[in-house]
PDB file of N, CA and C in Angstrom:
ATOM      1  N   GLY A   1       0.764  -1.158   0.038  1.00  0.00           N
ATOM      2  CA  GLY A   1       0.033  -0.211   0.229  1.00  0.00           C
ATOM      3  C   GLY A   1       0.915   1.377   0.021  1.00  0.00           C
ATOM      4  N   VAL A   2       0.080   2.402   0.061  1.00  0.00           N
ATOM      5  CA  VAL A   2       0.715   3.862  -0.137  1.00  0.00           C
ATOM      6  C   VAL A   2       1.152   3.982   1.512  1.00  0.00           C
ATOM      7  N   THR A   3       2.588   4.531   1.471  1.00  0.00           N
ATOM      8  CA  THR A   3       3.222   4.973   2.820  1.00  0.00           C
ATOM      9  C   THR A   3       2.408   6.347   3.205  1.00  0.00           C
ATOM     10  N   LYS A   4       1.568   6.446   4.373  1.00  0.00           N
ATOM     11  CA  LYS A   4       1.243   7.592   4.490  1.00  0.00           C
ATOM     12  C   LYS A   4       2.005   8.443   4.951  1.00  0.00           C
ATOM     13  N   PRO A   5       2.230   9.988   4.729  1.00  0.00           N
ATOM     14  CA  PRO A   5       3.317  11.017   5.231  1.00  0.00           C
ATOM     15  C   PRO A   5       2.964  11.660   6.717  1.00  0.00           C
ATOM     16  N   LEU A   6       3.783  11.707   7.366  1.00  0.00           N
ATOM     17  CA  LEU A   6       3.865  12.447   8.564  1.00  0.00           C
ATOM     18  C   LEU A   6       3.866  13.976   8.055  1.00  0.00           C
ATOM     19  N   VAL A   7       2.635  14.599   8.503  1.00  0.00           N
ATOM     20  CA  VAL A   7       2.430  15.887   7.858  1.00  0.00           C
ATOM     21  C   VAL A   7       2.401  16.804   9.205  1.00  0.00           C
ATOM     22  N   VAL A   8       3.124  17.760   9.460  1.00  0.00           N
ATOM     23  CA  VAL A   8       3.184  18.741  10.374  1.00  0.00           C
ATOM     24  C   VAL A   8       2.757  20.255   9.720  1.00  0.00           C
ATOM     25  N   VAL A   9       1.768  20.736  10.672  1.00  0.00           N
ATOM     26  CA  VAL A   9       1.250  22.353  10.075  1.00  0.00           C
ATOM     27  C   VAL A   9       1.856  22.953  11.344  1.00  0.00           C
ATOM     28  N   GLY A  10       2.634  23.890  11.128  1.00  0.00           N
ATOM     29  CA  GLY A  10       3.016  24.891  12.078  1.00  0.00           C
ATOM     30  C   GLY A  10       3.879  25.913  11.607  1.00  0.00           C
ATOM     31  N   SER A  11       4.537  26.718  12.758  1.00  0.00           N
ATOM     32  CA  SER A  11       5.484  27.892  12.585  1.00  0.00           C
ATOM     33  C   SER A  11       6.842  27.414  11.954  1.00  0.00           C
ATOM     34  N   LEU A  12       7.288  28.312  11.425  1.00  0.00           N
ATOM     35  CA  LEU A  12       8.615  28.413  10.946  1.00  0.00           C
ATOM     36  C   LEU A  12       9.438  29.594  11.252  1.00  0.00           C
ATOM     37  N   ASN A  13      10.416  29.628  11.908  1.00  0.00           N
ATOM     38  CA  ASN A  13      11.358  30.824  12.293  1.00  0.00           C
ATOM     39  C   ASN A  13      12.658  30.775  11.994  1.00  0.00           C
ATOM     40  N   VAL A  14      13.362  31.470  11.744  1.00  0.00           N
ATOM     41  CA  VAL A  14      14.717  31.445  11.787  1.00  0.00           C
ATOM     42  C   VAL A  14      15.048  32.086  13.344  1.00  0.00           C
ATOM     43  N   ASP A  15      15.891  31.108  13.691  1.00  0.00           N
ATOM     44  CA  ASP A  15      16.436  31.574  15.229  1.00  0.00           C
ATOM     45  C   ASP A  15      17.898  31.958  15.060  1.00  0.00           C
ATOM     46  N   ILE A  16      17.908  33.354  15.954  1.00  0.00           N
ATOM     47  CA  ILE A  16      19.067  33.811  15.864  1.00  0.00           C
ATOM     48  C   ILE A  16      19.584  33.805  17.237  1.00  0.00           C
ATOM     49  N   THR A  17      20.799  33.300  17.318  1.00  0.00           N
ATOM     50  CA  THR A  17      21.028  33.198  18.780  1.00  0.00           C
ATOM     51  C   THR A  17      22.033  34.020  19.032  1.00  0.00           C
ATOM     52  N   ILE A  18      22.232  34.873  20.106  1.00  0.00           N
ATOM     53  CA  ILE A  18      23.002  35.504  20.743  1.00  0.00           C
ATOM     54  C   ILE A  18      23.684  35.133  22.171  1.00  0.00           C
ATOM     55  N   GLU A  19      24.841  34.766  22.248  1.00  0.00           N
ATOM     56  CA  GLU A  19      25.482  34.490  23.373  1.00  0.00           C
ATOM     57  C   GLU A  19      26.058  35.682  24.229  1.00  0.00           C
ATOM     58  N   VAL A  20      25.323  35.755  25.398  1.00  0.00           N
ATOM     59  CA  VAL A  20      25.378  36.642  26.324  1.00  0.00           C
ATOM     60  C   VAL A  20      25.949  36.087  27.857  1.00  0.00           C
ATOM     61  N   GLU A  21      26.830  36.648  28.713  1.00  0.00           N
ATOM     62  CA  GLU A  21      27.293  36.432  30.065  1.00  0.00           C
ATOM     63  C   GLU A  21      26.097  36.482  30.889  1.00  0.00           C
ATOM     64  N   ARG A  22      25.120  37.257  30.630  1.00  0.00           N
ATOM     65  CA  ARG A  22      24.000  37.405  31.330  1.00  0.00           C
ATOM     66  C   ARG A  22      23.145  38.621  30.594  1.00  0.00           C
ATOM     67  N   LEU A  23      21.710  38.359  31.121  1.00  0.00           N
ATOM     68  CA  LEU A  23      20.627  39.006  30.367  1.00  0.00           C
ATOM     69  C   LEU A  23      20.594  40.316  30.647  1.00  0.00           C
ATOM     70  N   PRO A  24      20.440  41.314  29.936  1.00  0.00           N
ATOM     71  CA  PRO A  24      20.468  42.851  30.176  1.00  0.00           C
ATOM     72  C   PRO A  24      19.391  43.001  31.274  1.00  0.00           C
ATOM     73  N   LYS A  25      19.450  44.307  32.033  1.00  0.00           N
ATOM     74  CA  LYS A  25      18.227  44.478  32.698  1.00  0.00           C
ATOM     75  C   LYS A  25      17.751  45.818  32.328  1.00  0.00           C
ATOM     76  N   LYS A  26      16.740  46.169  32.738  1.00  0.00           N
ATOM     77  CA  LYS A  26      15.775  47.135  31.874  1.00  0.00           C
ATOM     78  C   LYS A  26      16.559  48.242  31.795  1.00  0.00           C
ATOM     79  N   GLU A  27      16.228  48.860  30.413  1.00  0.00           N
ATOM     80  CA  GLU A  27      17.237  49.836  30.099  1.00  0.00           C
ATOM     81  C   GLU A  27      18.750  49.668  30.142  1.00  0.00           C
ATOM     82  N   GLU A  28      19.267  48.542  29.880  1.00  0.00           N
ATOM     83  CA  GLU A  28      20.545  48.291  29.815  1.00  0.00           C
ATOM     84  C   GLU A  28      21.010  47.590  28.574  1.00  0.00           C
ATOM     85  N   THR A  29      22.486  48.075  28.253  1.00  0.00           N
ATOM     86  CA  THR A  29      22.982  47.320  27.184  1.00  0.00           C
ATOM     87  C   THR A  29      23.724  46.377  27.581  1.00  0.00           C
ATOM     88  N   VAL A  30      24.009  45.188  26.909  1.00  0.00           N
ATOM     89  CA  VAL A  30      25.010  44.422  27.283  1.00  0.00           C
ATOM     90  C   VAL A  30      25.494  43.915  26.213  1.00  0.00           C
ATOM     91  N   MET A  31      26.991  43.721  25.908  1.00  0.00           N
ATOM     92  CA  MET A  31      27.868  43.126  24.745  1.00  0.00           C
ATOM     93  C   MET A  31      27.754  41.551  24.667  1.00  0.00           C
ATOM     94  N   ALA A  32      27.315  41.290  23.232  1.00  0.00           N
ATOM     95  CA  ALA A  32      27.688  39.591  23.729  1.00  0.00           C
ATOM     96  C   ALA A  32      28.663  39.193  23.599  1.00  0.00           C
ATOM     97  N   SER A  33      28.736  38.026  24.081  1.00  0.00           N
ATOM     98  CA  SER A  33      30.083  37.372  24.353  1.00  0.00           C
ATOM     99  C   SER A  33      30.739  36.726  23.135  1.00  0.00           C
ATOM    100  N   SER A  34      30.120  36.769  21.783  1.00  0.00           N
ATOM    101  CA  SER A  34      30.836  35.950  20.734  1.00  0.00           C
ATOM    102  C   SER A  34      30.327  37.270  19.685  1.00  0.00           C
ATOM    103  N   PRO A  35      31.670  37.436  18.947  1.00  0.00           N
ATOM    104  CA  PRO A  35      31.396  38.366  18.089  1.00  0.00           C
ATOM    105  C   PRO A  35      30.531  38.006  16.689  1.00  0.00           C
ATOM    106  N   CYS A  36      29.799  37.023  16.753  1.00  0.00           N
ATOM    107  CA  CYS A  36      28.919  36.251  15.838  1.00  0.00           C
ATOM    108  C   CYS A  36      27.703  35.809  16.267  1.00  0.00           C
ATOM    109  N   THR A  37      26.708  36.093  15.664  1.00  0.00           N
ATOM    110  CA  THR A  37      25.460  35.435  15.912  1.00  0.00           C
ATOM    111  C   THR A  37      25.164  34.108  15.062  1.00  0.00           C
ATOM    112  N   SER A  38      24.448  32.857  15.744  1.00  0.00           N
ATOM    113  CA  SER A  38      24.114  31.751  15.169  1.00  0.00           C
ATOM    114  C   SER A  38      22.902  31.875  14.722  1.00  0.00           C
ATOM    115  N   VAL A  39      22.616  31.200  13.264  1.00  0.00           N
ATOM    116  CA  VAL A  39      21.031  31.290  12.429  1.00  0.00           C
ATOM    117  C   VAL A  39      21.070  29.708  12.325  1.00  0.00           C
ATOM    118  N   ALA A  40      19.608  29.457  12.865  1.00  0.00           N
ATOM    119  CA  ALA A  40      19.179  27.830  12.721  1.00  0.00           C
ATOM    120  C   ALA A  40      17.716  28.147  12.546  1.00  0.00           C
ATOM    121  N   VAL A  41      17.355  26.799  11.789  1.00  0.00           N
ATOM    122  CA  VAL A  41      16.001  26.538  11.391  1.00  0.00           C
ATOM    123  C   VAL A  41      15.269  26.697  13.088  1.00  0.00           C
ATOM    124  N   GLY A  42      14.051  27.531  13.432  1.00  0.00           N
ATOM    125  CA  GLY A  42      13.658  27.120  14.463  1.00  0.00           C
ATOM    126  C   GLY A  42      11.962  27.263  14.324  1.00  0.00           C
ATOM    127  N   GLY A  43      11.035  27.271  15.096  1.00  0.00           N
ATOM    128  CA  GLY A  43       9.629  27.366  14.921  1.00  0.00           C
ATOM    129  C   GLY A  43       9.235  25.948  15.376  1.00  0.00           C
ATOM    130  N   LYS A  44       8.023  25.736  16.063  1.00  0.00           N
ATOM    131  CA  LYS A  44       7.649  24.538  16.675  1.00  0.00           C
ATOM    132  C   LYS A  44       7.357  23.742  15.710  1.00  0.00           C
ATOM    133  N   GLY A  45       6.822  24.198  14.413  1.00  0.00           N
ATOM    134  CA  GLY A  45       6.371  23.171  13.255  1.00  0.00           C
ATOM    135  C   GLY A  45       7.641  22.881  12.845  1.00  0.00           C
ATOM    136  N   ALA A  46       8.637  23.418  12.363  1.00  0.00           N
ATOM    137  CA  ALA A  46       9.678  23.270  11.507  1.00  0.00           C
ATOM    138  C   ALA A  46      10.488  22.338  12.379  1.00  0.00           C
ATOM    139  N   ASN A  47      10.785  22.753  13.841  1.00  0.00           N
ATOM    140  CA  ASN A  47      11.337  21.710  14.996  1.00  0.00           C
ATOM    141  C   ASN A  47      10.960  20.055  14.914  1.00  0.00           C
ATOM    142  N   GLN A  48       9.405  20.153  14.982  1.00  0.00           N
ATOM    143  CA  GLN A  48       8.576  18.951  14.730  1.00  0.00           C
ATOM    144  C   GLN A  48       8.940  17.924  13.298  1.00  0.00           C
ATOM    145  N   ALA A  49       8.856  18.943  12.468  1.00  0.00           N
ATOM    146  CA  ALA A  49       8.888  18.131  10.990  1.00  0.00           C
ATOM    147  C   ALA A  49      10.574  17.686  10.849  1.00  0.00           C
ATOM    148  N   ALA A  50      11.376  18.691  11.258  1.00  0.00           N
ATOM    149  CA  ALA A  50      12.934  17.874  11.250  1.00  0.00           C
ATOM    150  C   ALA A  50      13.029  16.518  12.174  1.00  0.00           C
ATOM    151  N   ALA A  51      12.273  16.827  13.140  1.00  0.00           N
ATOM    152  CA  ALA A  51      12.646  15.631  14.261  1.00  0.00           C
ATOM    153  C   ALA A  51      11.583  14.188  13.527  1.00  0.00           C
ATOM    154  N   ALA A  52      10.595  14.609  12.801  1.00  0.00           N
ATOM    155  CA  ALA A  52       9.902  13.381  12.453  1.00  0.00           C
ATOM    156  C   ALA A  52      10.706  13.119  10.970  1.00  0.00           C
ATOM    157  N   ALA A  53      11.327  13.755  10.395  1.00  0.00           N
ATOM    158  CA  ALA A  53      12.262  13.261   9.261  1.00  0.00           C
ATOM    159  C   ALA A  53      13.523  12.272   9.733  1.00  0.00           C
ATOM    160  N   ARG A  54      13.820  12.835  10.943  1.00  0.00           N
ATOM    161  CA  ARG A  54      15.056  11.937  11.406  1.00  0.00           C
ATOM    162  C   ARG A  54      14.504  10.465  11.876  1.00  0.00           C
ATOM    163  N   LEU A  55      13.190  10.697  12.542  1.00  0.00           N
ATOM    164  CA  LEU A  55      12.845   9.608  13.225  1.00  0.00           C
ATOM    165  C   LEU A  55      12.171   8.444  12.120  1.00  0.00           C
ATOM    166  N   ALA A  56      11.774   8.990  10.783  1.00  0.00           N
ATOM    167  CA  ALA A  56      11.349   8.438   9.633  1.00  0.00           C
ATOM    168  C   ALA A  56      12.375   7.623   8.679  1.00  0.00           C
ATOM    169  N   THR A  57      13.654   8.016   8.899  1.00  0.00           N
ATOM    170  CA  THR A  57      14.650   7.926   8.091  1.00  0.00           C
ATOM    171  C   THR A  57      14.456   6.180   7.869  1.00  0.00           C
ATOM    172  N   GLY A  58      14.690   5.706   6.764  1.00  0.00           N
ATOM    173  CA  GLY A  58      14.597   4.147   6.512  1.00  0.00           C
ATOM    174  C   GLY A  58      13.499   3.719   6.251  1.00  0.00           C
ATOM    175  N   THR A  59      12.373   4.258   6.681  1.00  0.00           N
ATOM    176  CA  THR A  59      11.046   3.694   6.776  1.00  0.00           C
ATOM    177  C   THR A  59      10.001   3.534   5.539  1.00  0.00           C
ATOM    178  N   GLY A  60      10.901   4.871   4.725  1.00  0.00           N
ATOM    179  CA  GLY A  60       9.979   5.280   3.444  1.00  0.00           C
ATOM    180  C   GLY A  60       8.748   6.071   3.671  1.00  0.00           C
ATOM    181  N   ARG A  61       8.671   6.672   4.820  1.00  0.00           N
ATOM    182  CA  ARG A  61       7.356   7.472   5.173  1.00  0.00           C
ATOM    183  C   ARG A  61       7.927   9.053   4.930  1.00  0.00           C
ATOM    184  N   PRO A  62       7.554   9.694   4.248  1.00  0.00           N
ATOM    185  CA  PRO A  62       8.070  10.923   4.164  1.00  0.00           C
ATOM    186  C   PRO A  62       7.581  11.982   5.469  1.00  0.00           C
ATOM    187  N   ALA A  63       8.460  13.131   5.753  1.00  0.00           N
ATOM    188  CA  ALA A  63       7.782  13.991   6.457  1.00  0.00           C
ATOM    189  C   ALA A  63       7.539  15.168   5.955  1.00  0.00           C
ATOM    190  N   VAL A  64       6.472  15.954   5.954  1.00  0.00           N
ATOM    191  CA  VAL A  64       5.911  16.944   5.556  1.00  0.00           C
ATOM    192  C   VAL A  64       6.002  18.087   6.382  1.00  0.00           C
ATOM    193  N   LEU A  65       6.245  19.252   5.936  1.00  0.00           N
ATOM    194  CA  LEU A  65       5.719  20.454   6.681  1.00  0.00           C
ATOM    195  C   LEU A  65       5.145  21.217   5.966  1.00  0.00           C
ATOM    196  N   VAL A  66       3.699  21.872   6.604  1.00  0.00           N
ATOM    197  CA  VAL A  66       3.041  22.979   5.853  1.00  0.00           C
ATOM    198  C   VAL A  66       3.357  24.150   6.789  1.00  0.00           C
ATOM    199  N   CYS A  67       3.959  25.249   6.168  1.00  0.00           N
ATOM    200  CA  CYS A  67       4.112  26.301   7.093  1.00  0.00           C
ATOM    201  C   CYS A  67       4.372  27.418   6.052  1.00  0.00           C
ATOM    202  N   GLU A  68       4.560  28.866   6.283  1.00  0.00           N
ATOM    203  CA  GLU A  68       4.511  30.132   5.755  1.00  0.00           C
ATOM    204  C   GLU A  68       6.023  30.520   5.760  1.00  0.00           C
ATOM    205  N   PHE A  69       6.795  30.460   4.365  1.00  0.00           N
ATOM    206  CA  PHE A  69       7.867  31.141   4.312  1.00  0.00           C
ATOM    207  C   PHE A  69       7.687  32.876   3.988  1.00  0.00           C
ATOM    208  N   GLY A  70       8.775  33.642   4.622  1.00  0.00           N
ATOM    209  CA  GLY A  70       8.838  34.662   4.241  1.00  0.00           C
ATOM    210  C   GLY A  70       9.172  35.473   3.128  1.00  0.00           C
ATOM    211  N   ASN A  71       9.136  36.832   2.807  1.00  0.00           N
ATOM    212  CA  ASN A  71       9.655  37.291   1.626  1.00  0.00           C
ATOM    213  C   ASN A  71      10.996  37.976   1.511  1.00  0.00           C
ATOM    214  N   ASP A  72      11.867  37.244   2.553  1.00  0.00           N
ATOM    215  CA  ASP A  72      13.324  37.696   2.903  1.00  0.00           C
ATOM    216  C   ASP A  72      14.074  36.677   2.425  1.00  0.00           C
ATOM    217  N   GLY A  73      15.404  36.994   2.245  1.00  0.00           N
ATOM    218  CA  GLY A  73      16.445  36.233   2.420  1.00  0.00           C
ATOM    219  C   GLY A  73      16.602  35.056   3.270  1.00  0.00           C
ATOM    220  N   TYR A  74      15.923  34.947   4.228  1.00  0.00           N
ATOM    221  CA  TYR A  74      15.945  34.020   5.300  1.00  0.00           C
ATOM    222  C   TYR A  74      15.087  32.721   4.741  1.00  0.00           C
ATOM    223  N   ALA A  75      13.995  32.948   3.635  1.00  0.00           N
ATOM    224  CA  ALA A  75      13.402  31.986   3.152  1.00  0.00           C
ATOM    225  C   ALA A  75      14.056  30.574   2.537  1.00  0.00           C
ATOM    226  N   GLU A  76      15.101  31.290   1.771  1.00  0.00           N
ATOM    227  CA  GLU A  76      15.772  30.332   0.956  1.00  0.00           C
ATOM    228  C   GLU A  76      16.560  29.419   1.779  1.00  0.00           C
ATOM    229  N   THR A  77      17.221  30.221   2.940  1.00  0.00           N
ATOM    230  CA  THR A  77      17.941  29.205   3.848  1.00  0.00           C
ATOM    231  C   THR A  77      17.403  28.755   4.639  1.00  0.00           C
ATOM    232  N   MET A  78      16.063  29.057   4.987  1.00  0.00           N
ATOM    233  CA  MET A  78      15.187  27.713   5.865  1.00  0.00           C
ATOM    234  C   MET A  78      14.883  26.394   4.858  1.00  0.00           C
ATOM    235  N   ARG A  79      14.538  27.174   4.005  1.00  0.00           N
ATOM    236  CA  ARG A  79      13.865  25.919   2.756  1.00  0.00           C
ATOM    237  C   ARG A  79      15.020  24.846   2.581  1.00  0.00           C
ATOM    238  N   THR A  80      16.317  25.469   2.296  1.00  0.00           N
ATOM    239  CA  THR A  80      17.131  24.527   2.184  1.00  0.00           C
ATOM    240  C   THR A  80      17.839  23.544   3.081  1.00  0.00           C
ATOM    241  N   ALA A  81      17.821  24.471   4.259  1.00  0.00           N
ATOM    242  CA  ALA A  81      18.170  23.456   5.315  1.00  0.00           C
ATOM    243  C   ALA A  81      17.080  22.632   5.911  1.00  0.00           C
ATOM    244  N   LEU A  82      15.778  22.734   5.687  1.00  0.00           N
ATOM    245  CA  LEU A  82      14.765  21.842   6.019  1.00  0.00           C
ATOM    246  C   LEU A  82      14.773  21.078   4.949  1.00  0.00           C
ATOM    247  N   GLN A  83      14.942  20.970   3.669  1.00  0.00           N
ATOM    248  CA  GLN A  83      15.187  19.653   2.658  1.00  0.00           C
ATOM    249  C   GLN A  83      16.255  18.948   3.061  1.00  0.00           C
ATOM    250  N   GLU A  84      17.376  19.645   3.326  1.00  0.00           N
ATOM    251  CA  GLU A  84      18.593  18.722   3.963  1.00  0.00           C
ATOM    252  C   GLU A  84      18.659  17.864   4.775  1.00  0.00           C
ATOM    253  N   ALA A  85      17.728  18.481   5.709  1.00  0.00           N
ATOM    254  CA  ALA A  85      17.162  17.328   6.840  1.00  0.00           C
ATOM    255  C   ALA A  85      15.910  16.459   6.443  1.00  0.00           C
ATOM    256  N   GLY A  86      15.819  16.317   5.328  1.00  0.00           N
ATOM    257  CA  GLY A  86      14.705  15.188   4.819  1.00  0.00           C
ATOM    258  C   GLY A  86      13.460  15.819   4.885  1.00  0.00           C
ATOM    259  N   VAL A  87      13.071  17.041   5.073  1.00  0.00           N
ATOM    260  CA  VAL A  87      11.839  17.496   5.199  1.00  0.00           C
ATOM    261  C   VAL A  87      11.202  18.073   3.767  1.00  0.00           C
ATOM    262  N   ASP A  88       9.861  17.238   3.462  1.00  0.00           N
ATOM    263  CA  ASP A  88       9.496  17.763   1.906  1.00  0.00           C
ATOM    264  C   ASP A  88       8.585  19.327   2.447  1.00  0.00           C
ATOM    265  N   VAL A  89       9.040  20.052   1.737  1.00  0.00           N
ATOM    266  CA  VAL A  89       8.707  21.595   1.821  1.00  0.00           C
ATOM    267  C   VAL A  89       7.490  21.927   0.560  1.00  0.00           C
ATOM    268  N   SER A  90       7.266  21.070   0.146  1.00  0.00           N
ATOM    269  CA  SER A  90       6.771  21.370  -1.137  1.00  0.00           C
ATOM    270  C   SER A  90       5.063  22.128  -1.166  1.00  0.00           C
ATOM    271  N   ARG A  91       4.598  21.862   0.251  1.00  0.00           N
ATOM    272  CA  ARG A  91       3.019  22.094   0.489  1.00  0.00           C
ATOM    273  C   ARG A  91       3.245  23.543   1.276  1.00  0.00           C
ATOM    274  N   CYS A  92       4.071  24.011   1.575  1.00  0.00           N
ATOM    275  CA  CYS A  92       4.423  25.707   1.938  1.00  0.00           C
ATOM    276  C   CYS A  92       4.109  26.754   1.195  1.00  0.00           C
ATOM    277  N   ALA A  93       3.628  27.569   2.047  1.00  0.00           N
ATOM    278  CA  ALA A  93       3.242  28.957   1.474  1.00  0.00           C
ATOM    279  C   ALA A  93       4.447  30.113   1.093  1.00  0.00           C
ATOM    280  N   HIS A  94       4.100  31.087   0.499  1.00  0.00           N
ATOM    281  CA  HIS A  94       5.163  32.275   0.524  1.00  0.00           C
ATOM    282  C   HIS A  94       4.186  33.420   0.930  1.00  0.00           C
ATOM    283  N   SER A  95       4.819  34.101   1.653  1.00  0.00           N
ATOM    284  CA  SER A  95       4.214  35.470   1.914  1.00  0.00           C
ATOM    285  C   SER A  95       4.716  36.454   1.280  1.00  0.00           C
ATOM    286  N   ALA A  96       4.009  37.462   0.423  1.00  0.00           N
ATOM    287  CA  ALA A  96       4.487  38.083  -0.232  1.00  0.00           C
ATOM    288  C   ALA A  96       4.854  39.747   0.525  1.00  0.00           C
ATOM    289  N   GLU A  97       3.884  39.844   1.301  1.00  0.00           N
ATOM    290  CA  GLU A  97       3.840  41.069   2.441  1.00  0.00           C
ATOM    291  C   GLU A  97       4.949  40.860   3.552  1.00  0.00           C
ATOM    292  N   LEU A  98       5.089  39.671   4.264  1.00  0.00           N
ATOM    293  CA  LEU A  98       5.647  39.689   5.497  1.00  0.00           C
ATOM    294  C   LEU A  98       7.256  38.877   5.784  1.00  0.00           C
ATOM    295  N   PRO A  99       7.950  38.888   6.230  1.00  0.00           N
ATOM    296  CA  PRO A  99       9.177  38.014   6.352  1.00  0.00           C
ATOM    297  C   PRO A  99       9.164  36.871   7.203  1.00  0.00           C
ATOM    298  N   THR A 100      10.095  36.263   7.001  1.00  0.00           N
ATOM    299  CA  THR A 100      10.173  35.077   7.590  1.00  0.00           C
ATOM    300  C   THR A 100      10.373  35.497   9.136  1.00  0.00           C
ATOM    301  N   GLY A 101       9.611  34.585   9.920  1.00  0.00           N
ATOM    302  CA  GLY A 101       9.297  34.839  11.236  1.00  0.00           C
ATOM    303  C   GLY A 101      10.796  34.658  12.023  1.00  0.00           C
ATOM    304  N   GLN A 102      10.964  35.094  13.386  1.00  0.00           N
ATOM    305  CA  GLN A 102      12.425  35.312  13.755  1.00  0.00           C
ATOM    306  C   GLN A 102      12.199  34.766  15.068  1.00  0.00           C
ATOM    307  N   GLY A 103      12.906  33.845  15.823  1.00  0.00           N
ATOM    308  CA  GLY A 103      13.117  33.946  17.467  1.00  0.00           C
ATOM    309  C   GLY A 103      14.569  34.712  17.559  1.00  0.00           C
ATOM    310  N   ILE A 104      14.241  35.504  18.395  1.00  0.00           N
ATOM    311  CA  ILE A 104      15.695  36.206  18.873  1.00  0.00           C
ATOM    312  C   ILE A 104      16.053  35.417  20.040  1.00  0.00           C
ATOM    313  N   VAL A 105      17.260  34.619  20.246  1.00  0.00           N
ATOM    314  CA  VAL A 105      17.492  33.803  21.479  1.00  0.00           C
ATOM    315  C   VAL A 105      18.707  34.258  22.298  1.00  0.00           C
ATOM    316  N   MET A 106      18.490  34.903  23.206  1.00  0.00           N
ATOM    317  CA  MET A 106      19.585  35.072  24.291  1.00  0.00           C
ATOM    318  C   MET A 106      19.990  34.016  25.042  1.00  0.00           C
ATOM    319  N   LEU A 107      21.248  33.741  24.919  1.00  0.00           N
ATOM    320  CA  LEU A 107      21.851  32.292  25.473  1.00  0.00           C
ATOM    321  C   LEU A 107      22.851  32.548  26.380  1.00  0.00           C
ATOM    322  N   THR A 108      22.636  32.424  27.616  1.00  0.00           N
ATOM    323  CA  THR A 108      23.859  32.615  28.704  1.00  0.00           C
ATOM    324  C   THR A 108      24.725  31.276  28.853  1.00  0.00           C
ATOM    325  N   PRO A 109      25.883  31.569  29.524  1.00  0.00           N
ATOM    326  CA  PRO A 109      26.770  30.032  29.759  1.00  0.00           C
ATOM    327  C   PRO A 109      25.970  28.756  30.436  1.00  0.00           C
ATOM    328  N   ASP A 110      24.973  29.225  30.847  1.00  0.00           N
ATOM    329  CA  ASP A 110      24.567  28.091  31.866  1.00  0.00           C
ATOM    330  C   ASP A 110      23.634  27.109  31.160  1.00  0.00           C
ATOM    331  N   GLY A 111      23.231  27.614  29.838  1.00  0.00           N
ATOM    332  CA  GLY A 111      22.542  27.004  28.723  1.00  0.00           C
ATOM    333  C   GLY A 111      21.106  27.528  28.769  1.00  0.00           C
ATOM    334  N   ALA A 112      20.804  28.545  29.564  1.00  0.00           N
ATOM    335  CA  ALA A 112      19.604  29.153  29.660  1.00  0.00           C
ATOM    336  C   ALA A 112      19.094  30.003  28.337  1.00  0.00           C
ATOM    337  N   ALA A 113      18.268  29.989  28.176  1.00  0.00           N
ATOM    338  CA  ALA A 113      17.567  30.712  26.725  1.00  0.00           C
ATOM    339  C   ALA A 113      16.211  31.337  27.099  1.00  0.00           C
ATOM    340  N   SER A 114      16.757  32.919  26.874  1.00  0.00           N
ATOM    341  CA  SER A 114      15.787  33.729  26.861  1.00  0.00           C
ATOM    342  C   SER A 114      15.123  34.218  25.338  1.00  0.00           C
ATOM    343  N   SER A 115      13.918  34.250  25.199  1.00  0.00           N
ATOM    344  CA  SER A 115      13.504  34.431  23.707  1.00  0.00           C
ATOM    345  C   SER A 115      12.579  35.686  23.231  1.00  0.00           C
ATOM    346  N   ILE A 116      12.747  36.072  22.229  1.00  0.00           N
ATOM    347  CA  ILE A 116      11.583  36.938  21.624  1.00  0.00           C
ATOM    348  C   ILE A 116      11.286  36.288  20.120  1.00  0.00           C
ATOM    349  N   VAL A 117       9.959  36.284  20.031  1.00  0.00           N
ATOM    350  CA  VAL A 117       9.427  35.872  18.835  1.00  0.00           C
ATOM    351  C   VAL A 117       8.979  37.038  17.987  1.00  0.00           C
ATOM    352  N   VAL A 118       9.506  37.396  17.024  1.00  0.00           N
ATOM    353  CA  VAL A 118       8.911  37.944  15.913  1.00  0.00           C
ATOM    354  C   VAL A 118       8.093  37.243  14.769  1.00  0.00           C
ATOM    355  N   PRO A 119       6.969  37.219  14.776  1.00  0.00           N
ATOM    356  CA  PRO A 119       6.034  36.112  14.297  1.00  0.00           C
ATOM    357  C   PRO A 119       6.117  35.859  12.506  1.00  0.00           C
ATOM    358  N   GLY A 120       6.339  37.486  12.099  1.00  0.00           N
ATOM    359  CA  GLY A 120       6.590  37.307  10.560  1.00  0.00           C
ATOM    360  C   GLY A 120       5.407  36.691   9.780  1.00  0.00           C
ATOM    361  N   ALA A 121       5.630  36.398   8.882  1.00  0.00           N
ATOM    362  CA  ALA A 121       4.962  35.194   7.830  1.00  0.00           C
ATOM    363  C   ALA A 121       3.911  34.298   8.634  1.00  0.00           C
ATOM    364  N   ASN A 122       4.316  34.047   9.912  1.00  0.00           N
ATOM    365  CA  ASN A 122       3.334  33.017  10.684  1.00  0.00           C
ATOM    366  C   ASN A 122       2.202  33.764  11.343  1.00  0.00           C
ATOM    367  N   ALA A 123       2.099  34.786  10.981  1.00  0.00           N
ATOM    368  CA  ALA A 123       1.040  35.947  11.474  1.00  0.00           C
ATOM    369  C   ALA A 123       0.239  35.924  10.189  1.00  0.00           C
ATOM    370  N   GLY A 124       0.566  35.784   9.082  1.00  0.00           N
ATOM    371  CA  GLY A 124      -0.245  36.045   7.995  1.00  0.00           C
ATOM    372  C   GLY A 124      -1.069  34.861   7.567  1.00  0.00           C
ATOM    373  N   TRP A 125      -1.177  33.746   8.351  1.00  0.00           N
ATOM    374  CA  TRP A 125      -1.913  32.874   7.934  1.00  0.00           C
ATOM    375  C   TRP A 125      -3.299  33.053   8.370  1.00  0.00           C
ATOM    376  N   THR A 126      -4.233  32.460   7.676  1.00  0.00           N
ATOM    377  CA  THR A 126      -5.697  33.058   7.739  1.00  0.00           C
ATOM    378  C   THR A 126      -6.183  31.499   7.803  1.00  0.00           C
ATOM    379  N   ALA A 127      -7.561  31.455   8.615  1.00  0.00           N
ATOM    380  CA  ALA A 127      -8.377  30.172   8.715  1.00  0.00           C
ATOM    381  C   ALA A 127      -8.976  29.946   7.544  1.00  0.00           C
TER     382      ALA A 127
END
């Protein structure tokens, strides 16, 4: 018979991680502890689809993500990363008006992560 896909409908964000020694206090600026940020695929839907693709490896069951890419340069970066992770993104939409969602993550040396999510194209979905 036909193998049914694992389908995930959800958010896609580009996670931009900034390493800091500590979180800033109100109205305070702190310097990042690394000269660069790191960029990775994020968002609950994208993370679940990537995990499903890893779990389905060798089973013949495809992992499919239904999401909305933005109108910016991150969209192609995220598309490529998801495809390389084995996720089928052929059913994803593209927003003409909004950029890809972003997760701004502040990571402290003890591994604690504090985040701000900018929804971007995720907010453009209609029911």
